[in-house]
Amino acid sequence: MIGNEVRRRGISLLPPDVCSSSIDFTVEQGAIRVGLKQIKGLSTASLESIVNAREQAAYVSPLDFVVRTTIPQDSLENLMRCGALDSLCSHRRFLLSQLYYYLEKRQARQSGTTLLFEEQAIPTGADFSPAEKRTWEYNLLGLYVGEHPMAAWRPMLKNNGFKSSRDLPDCAAGMTVWAAGLLLHPHRPPTRSGKITVFFSLEDEFGMIDATMFEDVYMKYGAYIFGPRHGPLLASGKLHRRGEGVSLIVQQVHPAPLSDRSLLSSGAPIKSCP
């Protein structure tokens, strides 16, 4: 929710950066820089190692960073995957391929060997795709730093009558709506009746949509909730109001198609959206 709230206020969110991030979130030229402690798996010792070595001298390369810090291999991988070393080298696949080389140089330095800081040339091979980078960033940071993935889907969704989390509060209770988002936090708690009730959220670029799925719907569409996840989910249901909050009582769920054309030609229920 941090990323969505920042975007809603019109503030830019800057990625974590070993060369400039503090341990906590900080304000930087009117934007908010993600703090290093937001990165999954970084210990207090690793955080302090990054900051303390940087105070002595700025990092000049990925090799320089690895050699001068005491961060373990798994944490270094997380830093590289989430883009925290992009200011030193933006080719994340290359960084990961060089990690053992960097660690060997660190070990040599610790043993007293004089090092020649020679970086190997960056290969011309392809880096991770934007989608792969976004996935790693979300898994390791718990938020999307750049454009939310749903923003790219919004024109198609809007053209087909979908409501965003920002639109739903203006919809009437009981209205059947279509919405879409990334599946989050699906869970199936025990109930007194013994019948299945599933709760989950759909996250779009504006916020969260809380959703409830009852047993009859779950028997038809439950595989999309607890099965493998590949992109956004499309959900149809009746709008439910409680106080100022709104949620969706789900009637249908479908995985998002690859394109507007494939969606419309497939006869998916989205065609009947208001």
C-alpha atoms as a PDB file:
ATOM      1  CA  MET A   1       0.000   0.000   0.000  1.00  0.00           C
ATOM      2  CA  ILE A   2       2.962   2.361   0.465  1.00  0.00           C
ATOM      3  CA  GLY A   3       3.599   2.587  -3.265  1.00  0.00           C
ATOM      4  CA  ASN A   4      -0.064   3.180  -4.078  1.00  0.00           C
ATOM      5  CA  GLU A   5      -0.433   5.868  -1.423  1.00  0.00           C
ATOM      6  CA  VAL A   6       2.654   7.693  -2.663  1.00  0.00           C
ATOM      7  CA  ARG A   7       1.424   7.541  -6.264  1.00  0.00           C
ATOM      8  CA  ARG A   8      -2.046   8.695  -5.215  1.00  0.00           C
ATOM      9  CA  ARG A   9      -0.486  11.823  -3.727  1.00  0.00           C
ATOM     10  CA  GLY A  10       1.461  12.495  -6.916  1.00  0.00           C
ATOM     11  CA  ILE A  11       4.847  11.813  -5.316  1.00  0.00           C
ATOM     12  CA  SER A  12       7.557   9.859  -7.114  1.00  0.00           C
ATOM     13  CA  LEU A  13       8.908   6.735  -5.441  1.00  0.00           C
ATOM     14  CA  LEU A  14      12.622   6.156  -5.999  1.00  0.00           C
ATOM     15  CA  PRO A  15      14.138   2.661  -5.832  1.00  0.00           C
ATOM     16  CA  PRO A  16      16.551   1.532  -3.124  1.00  0.00           C
ATOM     17  CA  ASP A  17      20.128   2.382  -4.030  1.00  0.00           C
ATOM     18  CA  VAL A  18      23.246   1.283  -2.162  1.00  0.00           C
ATOM     19  CA  CYS A  19      24.882   4.540  -3.236  1.00  0.00           C
ATOM     20  CA  SER A  20      22.237   6.887  -1.829  1.00  0.00           C
ATOM     21  CA  SER A  21      19.535   5.142   0.226  1.00  0.00           C
ATOM     22  CA  SER A  22      19.442   5.492   3.977  1.00  0.00           C
ATOM     23  CA  ILE A  23      18.299   2.619   6.129  1.00  0.00           C
ATOM     24  CA  ASP A  24      14.792   4.123   6.346  1.00  0.00           C
ATOM     25  CA  PHE A  25      12.624   5.869   3.743  1.00  0.00           C
ATOM     26  CA  THR A  26      13.864   9.413   3.067  1.00  0.00           C
ATOM     27  CA  VAL A  27      12.732  12.481   1.141  1.00  0.00           C
ATOM     28  CA  GLU A  28      14.964  13.224  -1.838  1.00  0.00           C
ATOM     29  CA  GLN A  29      14.308  16.263  -4.059  1.00  0.00           C
ATOM     30  CA  GLY A  30      10.549  16.071  -3.625  1.00  0.00           C
ATOM     31  CA  ALA A  31      10.435  12.287  -4.059  1.00  0.00           C
ATOM     32  CA  ILE A  32      10.612   9.428  -1.569  1.00  0.00           C
ATOM     33  CA  ARG A  33      13.600   7.100  -1.678  1.00  0.00           C
ATOM     34  CA  VAL A  34      12.975   3.525  -0.536  1.00  0.00           C
ATOM     35  CA  GLY A  35      15.097   2.639   2.474  1.00  0.00           C
ATOM     36  CA  LEU A  36      17.515  -0.268   2.493  1.00  0.00           C
ATOM     37  CA  LYS A  37      15.716  -2.008   5.340  1.00  0.00           C
ATOM     38  CA  GLN A  38      12.722  -2.484   3.025  1.00  0.00           C
ATOM     39  CA  ILE A  39      14.758  -5.101   1.137  1.00  0.00           C
ATOM     40  CA  LYS A  40      13.906  -8.610   2.241  1.00  0.00           C
ATOM     41  CA  GLY A  41      16.628 -10.578   3.996  1.00  0.00           C
ATOM     42  CA  LEU A  42      19.005  -7.754   4.915  1.00  0.00           C
ATOM     43  CA  SER A  43      20.228  -8.035   8.499  1.00  0.00           C
ATOM     44  CA  THR A  44      21.055  -5.081  10.711  1.00  0.00           C
ATOM     45  CA  ALA A  45      24.738  -5.932  10.283  1.00  0.00           C
ATOM     46  CA  SER A  46      24.401  -5.832   6.488  1.00  0.00           C
ATOM     47  CA  LEU A  47      22.572  -2.502   6.583  1.00  0.00           C
ATOM     48  CA  GLU A  48      25.263  -0.986   8.781  1.00  0.00           C
ATOM     49  CA  SER A  49      27.995  -2.415   6.565  1.00  0.00           C
ATOM     50  CA  ILE A  50      26.540  -0.681   3.495  1.00  0.00           C
ATOM     51  CA  VAL A  51      26.178   2.698   5.187  1.00  0.00           C
ATOM     52  CA  ASN A  52      29.482   2.629   7.084  1.00  0.00           C
ATOM     53  CA  ALA A  53      31.592   1.692   4.057  1.00  0.00           C
ATOM     54  CA  ARG A  54      29.840   4.339   1.964  1.00  0.00           C
ATOM     55  CA  GLU A  55      30.635   7.025   4.539  1.00  0.00           C
ATOM     56  CA  GLN A  56      34.329   6.241   4.137  1.00  0.00           C
ATOM     57  CA  ALA A  57      34.219   6.488   0.331  1.00  0.00           C
ATOM     58  CA  ALA A  58      31.585   6.344  -2.386  1.00  0.00           C
ATOM     59  CA  TYR A  59      31.119   3.031  -4.158  1.00  0.00           C
ATOM     60  CA  VAL A  60      32.546   3.124  -7.668  1.00  0.00           C
ATOM     61  CA  SER A  61      31.580  -0.296  -9.037  1.00  0.00           C
ATOM     62  CA  PRO A  62      29.768  -3.506  -8.089  1.00  0.00           C
ATOM     63  CA  LEU A  63      33.111  -5.147  -7.313  1.00  0.00           C
ATOM     64  CA  ASP A  64      34.100  -2.253  -5.070  1.00  0.00           C
ATOM     65  CA  PHE A  65      30.773  -2.551  -3.250  1.00  0.00           C
ATOM     66  CA  VAL A  66      31.030  -6.287  -2.621  1.00  0.00           C
ATOM     67  CA  VAL A  67      34.669  -6.215  -1.558  1.00  0.00           C
ATOM     68  CA  ARG A  68      34.220  -3.358   0.917  1.00  0.00           C
ATOM     69  CA  THR A  69      31.122  -4.745   2.639  1.00  0.00           C
ATOM     70  CA  THR A  70      30.481  -7.881   4.667  1.00  0.00           C
ATOM     71  CA  ILE A  71      27.109  -8.764   3.177  1.00  0.00           C
ATOM     72  CA  PRO A  72      26.466 -12.515   2.737  1.00  0.00           C
ATOM     73  CA  GLN A  73      25.825 -14.028  -0.664  1.00  0.00           C
ATOM     74  CA  ASP A  74      22.050 -14.456  -0.359  1.00  0.00           C
ATOM     75  CA  SER A  75      21.607 -10.823   0.672  1.00  0.00           C
ATOM     76  CA  LEU A  76      23.831  -9.664  -2.188  1.00  0.00           C
ATOM     77  CA  GLU A  77      21.609 -11.586  -4.583  1.00  0.00           C
ATOM     78  CA  ASN A  78      18.555  -9.809  -3.185  1.00  0.00           C
ATOM     79  CA  LEU A  79      20.237  -6.425  -3.594  1.00  0.00           C
ATOM     80  CA  MET A  80      21.061  -7.185  -7.206  1.00  0.00           C
ATOM     81  CA  ARG A  81      17.647  -8.626  -8.067  1.00  0.00           C
ATOM     82  CA  CYS A  82      15.676  -5.702  -6.649  1.00  0.00           C
ATOM     83  CA  GLY A  83      17.819  -3.102  -8.439  1.00  0.00           C
ATOM     84  CA  ALA A  84      19.686  -1.660  -5.474  1.00  0.00           C
ATOM     85  CA  LEU A  85      22.948  -1.824  -7.471  1.00  0.00           C
ATOM     86  CA  ASP A  86      21.502  -0.377 -10.683  1.00  0.00           C
ATOM     87  CA  SER A  87      23.376   2.909 -10.222  1.00  0.00           C
ATOM     88  CA  LEU A  88      26.630   0.921 -10.397  1.00  0.00           C
ATOM     89  CA  CYS A  89      25.526  -1.494 -13.121  1.00  0.00           C
ATOM     90  CA  SER A  90      21.982  -1.720 -14.451  1.00  0.00           C
ATOM     91  CA  HIS A  91      22.414  -5.169 -16.047  1.00  0.00           C
ATOM     92  CA  ARG A  92      21.044  -7.296 -13.220  1.00  0.00           C
ATOM     93  CA  ARG A  93      21.530 -10.642 -14.935  1.00  0.00           C
ATOM     94  CA  PHE A  94      25.196  -9.784 -15.464  1.00  0.00           C
ATOM     95  CA  LEU A  95      25.619  -8.799 -11.815  1.00  0.00           C
ATOM     96  CA  LEU A  96      24.281 -12.136 -10.647  1.00  0.00           C
ATOM     97  CA  SER A  97      26.535 -13.985 -13.090  1.00  0.00           C
ATOM     98  CA  GLN A  98      29.546 -12.135 -11.644  1.00  0.00           C
ATOM     99  CA  LEU A  99      28.711 -12.633  -7.987  1.00  0.00           C
ATOM    100  CA  TYR A 100      31.084 -15.548  -7.387  1.00  0.00           C
ATOM    101  CA  TYR A 101      33.888 -13.556  -8.994  1.00  0.00           C
ATOM    102  CA  TYR A 102      33.156 -10.634  -6.685  1.00  0.00           C
ATOM    103  CA  LEU A 103      33.090 -12.903  -3.637  1.00  0.00           C
ATOM    104  CA  GLU A 104      36.426 -14.457  -4.611  1.00  0.00           C
ATOM    105  CA  LYS A 105      37.934 -10.968  -4.793  1.00  0.00           C
ATOM    106  CA  ARG A 106      36.508 -10.169  -1.361  1.00  0.00           C
ATOM    107  CA  GLN A 107      38.010 -13.330   0.097  1.00  0.00           C
ATOM    108  CA  ALA A 108      41.361 -12.507  -1.484  1.00  0.00           C
ATOM    109  CA  ARG A 109      41.295  -9.036   0.050  1.00  0.00           C
ATOM    110  CA  GLN A 110      40.460 -10.442   3.477  1.00  0.00           C
ATOM    111  CA  SER A 111      43.434 -12.796   3.197  1.00  0.00           C
ATOM    112  CA  GLY A 112      45.725  -9.841   2.548  1.00  0.00           C
ATOM    113  CA  THR A 113      46.123 -10.194  -1.203  1.00  0.00           C
ATOM    114  CA  THR A 114      46.567  -6.942  -3.106  1.00  0.00           C
ATOM    115  CA  LEU A 115      43.664  -6.494  -5.508  1.00  0.00           C
ATOM    116  CA  LEU A 116      43.539  -5.033  -8.963  1.00  0.00           C
ATOM    117  CA  PHE A 117      40.013  -3.682  -9.310  1.00  0.00           C
ATOM    118  CA  GLU A 118      39.323  -4.720 -12.859  1.00  0.00           C
ATOM    119  CA  GLU A 119      35.685  -5.128 -13.810  1.00  0.00           C
ATOM    120  CA  GLN A 120      34.915  -7.635 -16.528  1.00  0.00           C
ATOM    121  CA  ALA A 121      33.227  -6.190 -19.598  1.00  0.00           C
ATOM    122  CA  ILE A 122      29.449  -6.211 -19.499  1.00  0.00           C
ATOM    123  CA  PRO A 123      28.161  -8.786 -21.997  1.00  0.00           C
ATOM    124  CA  THR A 124      25.685  -7.969 -24.706  1.00  0.00           C
ATOM    125  CA  GLY A 125      23.289 -10.690 -23.567  1.00  0.00           C
ATOM    126  CA  ALA A 126      19.752  -9.780 -22.603  1.00  0.00           C
ATOM    127  CA  ASP A 127      18.968  -8.569 -19.122  1.00  0.00           C
ATOM    128  CA  PHE A 128      15.867  -9.661 -17.228  1.00  0.00           C
ATOM    129  CA  SER A 129      12.647  -8.462 -18.838  1.00  0.00           C
ATOM    130  CA  PRO A 130      10.746  -5.527 -17.289  1.00  0.00           C
ATOM    131  CA  ALA A 131       8.115  -7.994 -16.065  1.00  0.00           C
ATOM    132  CA  GLU A 132      10.767 -10.159 -14.397  1.00  0.00           C
ATOM    133  CA  LYS A 133      12.304  -7.108 -12.755  1.00  0.00           C
ATOM    134  CA  ARG A 134       8.921  -5.963 -11.440  1.00  0.00           C
ATOM    135  CA  THR A 135       8.283  -9.417 -10.012  1.00  0.00           C
ATOM    136  CA  TRP A 136      11.586  -9.488  -8.162  1.00  0.00           C
ATOM    137  CA  GLU A 137      11.119  -5.926  -6.927  1.00  0.00           C
ATOM    138  CA  TYR A 138       7.707  -6.738  -5.517  1.00  0.00           C
ATOM    139  CA  ASN A 139       8.847 -10.022  -3.956  1.00  0.00           C
ATOM    140  CA  LEU A 140      11.845  -8.388  -2.297  1.00  0.00           C
ATOM    141  CA  LEU A 141      10.444  -4.931  -1.476  1.00  0.00           C
ATOM    142  CA  GLY A 142       6.758  -5.628  -0.977  1.00  0.00           C
ATOM    143  CA  LEU A 143       5.865  -2.763  -3.327  1.00  0.00           C
ATOM    144  CA  TYR A 144       6.221  -1.616  -6.918  1.00  0.00           C
ATOM    145  CA  VAL A 145       8.762   1.177  -7.248  1.00  0.00           C
ATOM    146  CA  GLY A 146       8.066   2.182 -10.831  1.00  0.00           C
ATOM    147  CA  GLU A 147       4.820   1.977 -12.719  1.00  0.00           C
ATOM    148  CA  HIS A 148       2.371  -0.479 -11.212  1.00  0.00           C
ATOM    149  CA  PRO A 149       1.792  -3.437 -13.589  1.00  0.00           C
ATOM    150  CA  MET A 150      -1.939  -2.725 -13.682  1.00  0.00           C
ATOM    151  CA  ALA A 151      -1.320   0.715 -15.197  1.00  0.00           C
ATOM    152  CA  ALA A 152      -0.378  -0.942 -18.491  1.00  0.00           C
ATOM    153  CA  TRP A 153      -3.679  -2.839 -18.452  1.00  0.00           C
ATOM    154  CA  ARG A 154      -5.828   0.163 -17.585  1.00  0.00           C
ATOM    155  CA  PRO A 155      -6.636   1.388 -21.144  1.00  0.00           C
ATOM    156  CA  MET A 156      -7.905  -2.060 -22.136  1.00  0.00           C
ATOM    157  CA  LEU A 157      -9.807  -2.480 -18.875  1.00  0.00           C
ATOM    158  CA  LYS A 158     -11.376   0.945 -19.111  1.00  0.00           C
ATOM    159  CA  ASN A 159     -12.444   0.337 -22.705  1.00  0.00           C
ATOM    160  CA  ASN A 160     -14.207  -2.830 -21.557  1.00  0.00           C
ATOM    161  CA  GLY A 161     -16.077  -1.277 -18.638  1.00  0.00           C
ATOM    162  CA  PHE A 162     -13.885  -2.383 -15.741  1.00  0.00           C
ATOM    163  CA  LYS A 163     -13.888  -0.410 -12.511  1.00  0.00           C
ATOM    164  CA  SER A 164     -10.721   0.436 -10.621  1.00  0.00           C
ATOM    165  CA  SER A 165     -10.413   0.511  -6.843  1.00  0.00           C
ATOM    166  CA  ARG A 166     -10.724   4.290  -7.175  1.00  0.00           C
ATOM    167  CA  ASP A 167     -14.050   3.948  -9.026  1.00  0.00           C
ATOM    168  CA  LEU A 168     -15.791   1.480  -6.724  1.00  0.00           C
ATOM    169  CA  PRO A 169     -16.726   3.915  -3.912  1.00  0.00           C
ATOM    170  CA  ASP A 170     -18.871   5.802  -6.442  1.00  0.00           C
ATOM    171  CA  CYS A 171     -20.791   2.669  -7.488  1.00  0.00           C
ATOM    172  CA  ALA A 172     -24.176   1.766  -6.024  1.00  0.00           C
ATOM    173  CA  ALA A 173     -24.524  -1.071  -3.525  1.00  0.00           C
ATOM    174  CA  GLY A 174     -25.711  -4.253  -5.211  1.00  0.00           C
ATOM    175  CA  MET A 175     -24.406  -3.173  -8.597  1.00  0.00           C
ATOM    176  CA  THR A 176     -22.668  -5.896 -10.602  1.00  0.00           C
ATOM    177  CA  VAL A 177     -19.205  -4.710 -11.564  1.00  0.00           C
ATOM    178  CA  TRP A 178     -16.061  -6.042 -13.150  1.00  0.00           C
ATOM    179  CA  ALA A 179     -12.700  -5.267 -11.590  1.00  0.00           C
ATOM    180  CA  ALA A 180      -9.145  -6.475 -12.072  1.00  0.00           C
ATOM    181  CA  GLY A 181      -5.933  -6.605 -10.110  1.00  0.00           C
ATOM    182  CA  LEU A 182      -3.057  -8.661  -8.806  1.00  0.00           C
ATOM    183  CA  LEU A 183      -4.136 -11.373  -6.385  1.00  0.00           C
ATOM    184  CA  LEU A 184      -2.997 -10.837  -2.801  1.00  0.00           C
ATOM    185  CA  HIS A 185      -3.509 -12.622   0.523  1.00  0.00           C
ATOM    186  CA  PRO A 186      -5.977 -15.369  -0.427  1.00  0.00           C
ATOM    187  CA  HIS A 187      -7.091 -17.285   2.648  1.00  0.00           C
ATOM    188  CA  ARG A 188      -9.839 -19.723   3.568  1.00  0.00           C
ATOM    189  CA  PRO A 189     -10.638 -19.523   7.287  1.00  0.00           C
ATOM    190  CA  PRO A 190     -12.819 -22.111   9.040  1.00  0.00           C
ATOM    191  CA  THR A 191     -16.522 -21.249   9.297  1.00  0.00           C
ATOM    192  CA  ARG A 192     -19.282 -22.356  11.682  1.00  0.00           C
ATOM    193  CA  SER A 193     -21.314 -23.795   8.843  1.00  0.00           C
ATOM    194  CA  GLY A 194     -18.350 -25.696   7.468  1.00  0.00           C
ATOM    195  CA  LYS A 195     -18.914 -24.151   4.076  1.00  0.00           C
ATOM    196  CA  ILE A 196     -16.014 -22.670   2.161  1.00  0.00           C
ATOM    197  CA  THR A 197     -15.548 -18.917   2.263  1.00  0.00           C
ATOM    198  CA  VAL A 198     -12.493 -17.361   0.651  1.00  0.00           C
ATOM    199  CA  PHE A 199     -11.218 -13.847   1.251  1.00  0.00           C
ATOM    200  CA  PHE A 200      -8.656 -12.145  -0.959  1.00  0.00           C
ATOM    201  CA  SER A 201      -7.627  -8.758  -2.313  1.00  0.00           C
ATOM    202  CA  LEU A 202      -7.000  -7.458  -5.803  1.00  0.00           C
ATOM    203  CA  GLU A 203      -4.363  -4.748  -6.012  1.00  0.00           C
ATOM    204  CA  ASP A 204      -4.424  -2.220  -8.836  1.00  0.00           C
ATOM    205  CA  GLU A 205      -2.433   0.962  -9.383  1.00  0.00           C
ATOM    206  CA  PHE A 206      -4.767   2.960  -7.126  1.00  0.00           C
ATOM    207  CA  GLY A 207      -5.267   0.675  -4.154  1.00  0.00           C
ATOM    208  CA  MET A 208      -6.885  -2.535  -2.939  1.00  0.00           C
ATOM    209  CA  ILE A 209     -10.203  -4.222  -3.689  1.00  0.00           C
ATOM    210  CA  ASP A 210     -11.369  -6.560  -0.932  1.00  0.00           C
ATOM    211  CA  ALA A 211     -13.233  -9.591  -2.239  1.00  0.00           C
ATOM    212  CA  THR A 212     -15.232 -12.490  -0.797  1.00  0.00           C
ATOM    213  CA  MET A 213     -15.958 -15.751  -2.592  1.00  0.00           C
ATOM    214  CA  PHE A 214     -18.530 -18.242  -1.314  1.00  0.00           C
ATOM    215  CA  GLU A 215     -18.521 -21.998  -1.781  1.00  0.00           C
ATOM    216  CA  ASP A 216     -20.627 -22.264  -4.938  1.00  0.00           C
ATOM    217  CA  VAL A 217     -18.371 -19.809  -6.742  1.00  0.00           C
ATOM    218  CA  TYR A 218     -15.242 -21.334  -5.226  1.00  0.00           C
ATOM    219  CA  MET A 219     -16.103 -24.753  -6.660  1.00  0.00           C
ATOM    220  CA  LYS A 220     -16.029 -23.206 -10.147  1.00  0.00           C
ATOM    221  CA  TYR A 221     -13.165 -20.739  -9.878  1.00  0.00           C
ATOM    222  CA  GLY A 222     -11.096 -21.703  -6.832  1.00  0.00           C
ATOM    223  CA  ALA A 223      -8.236 -22.983  -8.977  1.00  0.00           C
ATOM    224  CA  TYR A 224      -7.567 -19.421 -10.116  1.00  0.00           C
ATOM    225  CA  ILE A 225      -7.229 -18.278  -6.499  1.00  0.00           C
ATOM    226  CA  PHE A 226      -5.002 -21.001  -5.071  1.00  0.00           C
ATOM    227  CA  GLY A 227      -3.389 -22.286  -8.268  1.00  0.00           C
ATOM    228  CA  PRO A 228      -0.352 -20.909 -10.135  1.00  0.00           C
ATOM    229  CA  ARG A 229      -0.475 -17.154 -10.634  1.00  0.00           C
ATOM    230  CA  HIS A 230       0.249 -15.596 -14.002  1.00  0.00           C
ATOM    231  CA  GLY A 231      -0.688 -11.958 -14.137  1.00  0.00           C
ATOM    232  CA  PRO A 232      -3.862 -10.115 -13.151  1.00  0.00           C
ATOM    233  CA  LEU A 233      -7.210 -11.635 -12.319  1.00  0.00           C
ATOM    234  CA  LEU A 234     -10.518 -10.399 -13.686  1.00  0.00           C
ATOM    235  CA  ALA A 235     -13.371 -10.584 -11.185  1.00  0.00           C
ATOM    236  CA  SER A 236     -17.081  -9.950 -11.463  1.00  0.00           C
ATOM    237  CA  GLY A 237     -19.382  -9.546  -8.494  1.00  0.00           C
ATOM    238  CA  LYS A 238     -21.891  -7.480  -6.587  1.00  0.00           C
ATOM    239  CA  LEU A 239     -20.702  -4.404  -4.765  1.00  0.00           C
ATOM    240  CA  HIS A 240     -21.148  -4.627  -1.002  1.00  0.00           C
ATOM    241  CA  ARG A 241     -21.069  -1.623   1.313  1.00  0.00           C
ATOM    242  CA  ARG A 242     -20.319  -1.557   5.026  1.00  0.00           C
ATOM    243  CA  GLY A 243     -20.015   1.936   6.420  1.00  0.00           C
ATOM    244  CA  GLU A 244     -17.657   3.839   4.157  1.00  0.00           C
ATOM    245  CA  GLY A 245     -15.962   0.687   2.926  1.00  0.00           C
ATOM    246  CA  VAL A 246     -16.772  -1.282  -0.209  1.00  0.00           C
ATOM    247  CA  SER A 247     -15.978  -4.849  -1.200  1.00  0.00           C
ATOM    248  CA  LEU A 248     -16.858  -7.322  -3.911  1.00  0.00           C
ATOM    249  CA  ILE A 249     -18.987 -10.459  -3.466  1.00  0.00           C
ATOM    250  CA  VAL A 250     -17.413 -12.440  -6.259  1.00  0.00           C
ATOM    251  CA  GLN A 251     -19.476 -14.294  -8.858  1.00  0.00           C
ATOM    252  CA  GLN A 252     -16.809 -15.010 -11.484  1.00  0.00           C
ATOM    253  CA  VAL A 253     -13.022 -14.981 -11.692  1.00  0.00           C
ATOM    254  CA  HIS A 254     -10.886 -15.355 -14.813  1.00  0.00           C
ATOM    255  CA  PRO A 255      -7.177 -14.951 -15.564  1.00  0.00           C
ATOM    256  CA  ALA A 256      -6.446 -11.898 -17.672  1.00  0.00           C
ATOM    257  CA  PRO A 257      -5.854 -12.588 -21.387  1.00  0.00           C
ATOM    258  CA  LEU A 258      -2.704 -11.544 -23.171  1.00  0.00           C
ATOM    259  CA  SER A 259      -4.369  -8.794 -25.142  1.00  0.00           C
ATOM    260  CA  ASP A 260      -7.622  -6.976 -25.735  1.00  0.00           C
ATOM    261  CA  ARG A 261      -8.050  -8.782 -29.062  1.00  0.00           C
ATOM    262  CA  SER A 262      -7.528 -12.259 -27.589  1.00  0.00           C
ATOM    263  CA  LEU A 263      -9.920 -11.398 -24.803  1.00  0.00           C
ATOM    264  CA  LEU A 264     -12.718 -10.280 -27.085  1.00  0.00           C
ATOM    265  CA  SER A 265     -12.265 -13.101 -29.583  1.00  0.00           C
ATOM    266  CA  SER A 266     -12.266 -15.710 -26.835  1.00  0.00           C
ATOM    267  CA  GLY A 267     -15.793 -14.888 -25.753  1.00  0.00           C
ATOM    268  CA  ALA A 268     -14.700 -14.183 -22.185  1.00  0.00           C
ATOM    269  CA  PRO A 269     -17.380 -12.694 -19.930  1.00  0.00           C
ATOM    270  CA  ILE A 270     -15.687  -9.313 -20.056  1.00  0.00           C
ATOM    271  CA  LYS A 271     -17.671  -8.663 -23.245  1.00  0.00           C
ATOM    272  CA  SER A 272     -20.831  -8.204 -21.207  1.00  0.00           C
ATOM    273  CA  CYS A 273     -19.372  -5.717 -18.763  1.00  0.00           C
ATOM    274  CA  PRO A 274     -21.309  -2.463 -18.328  1.00  0.00           C
END
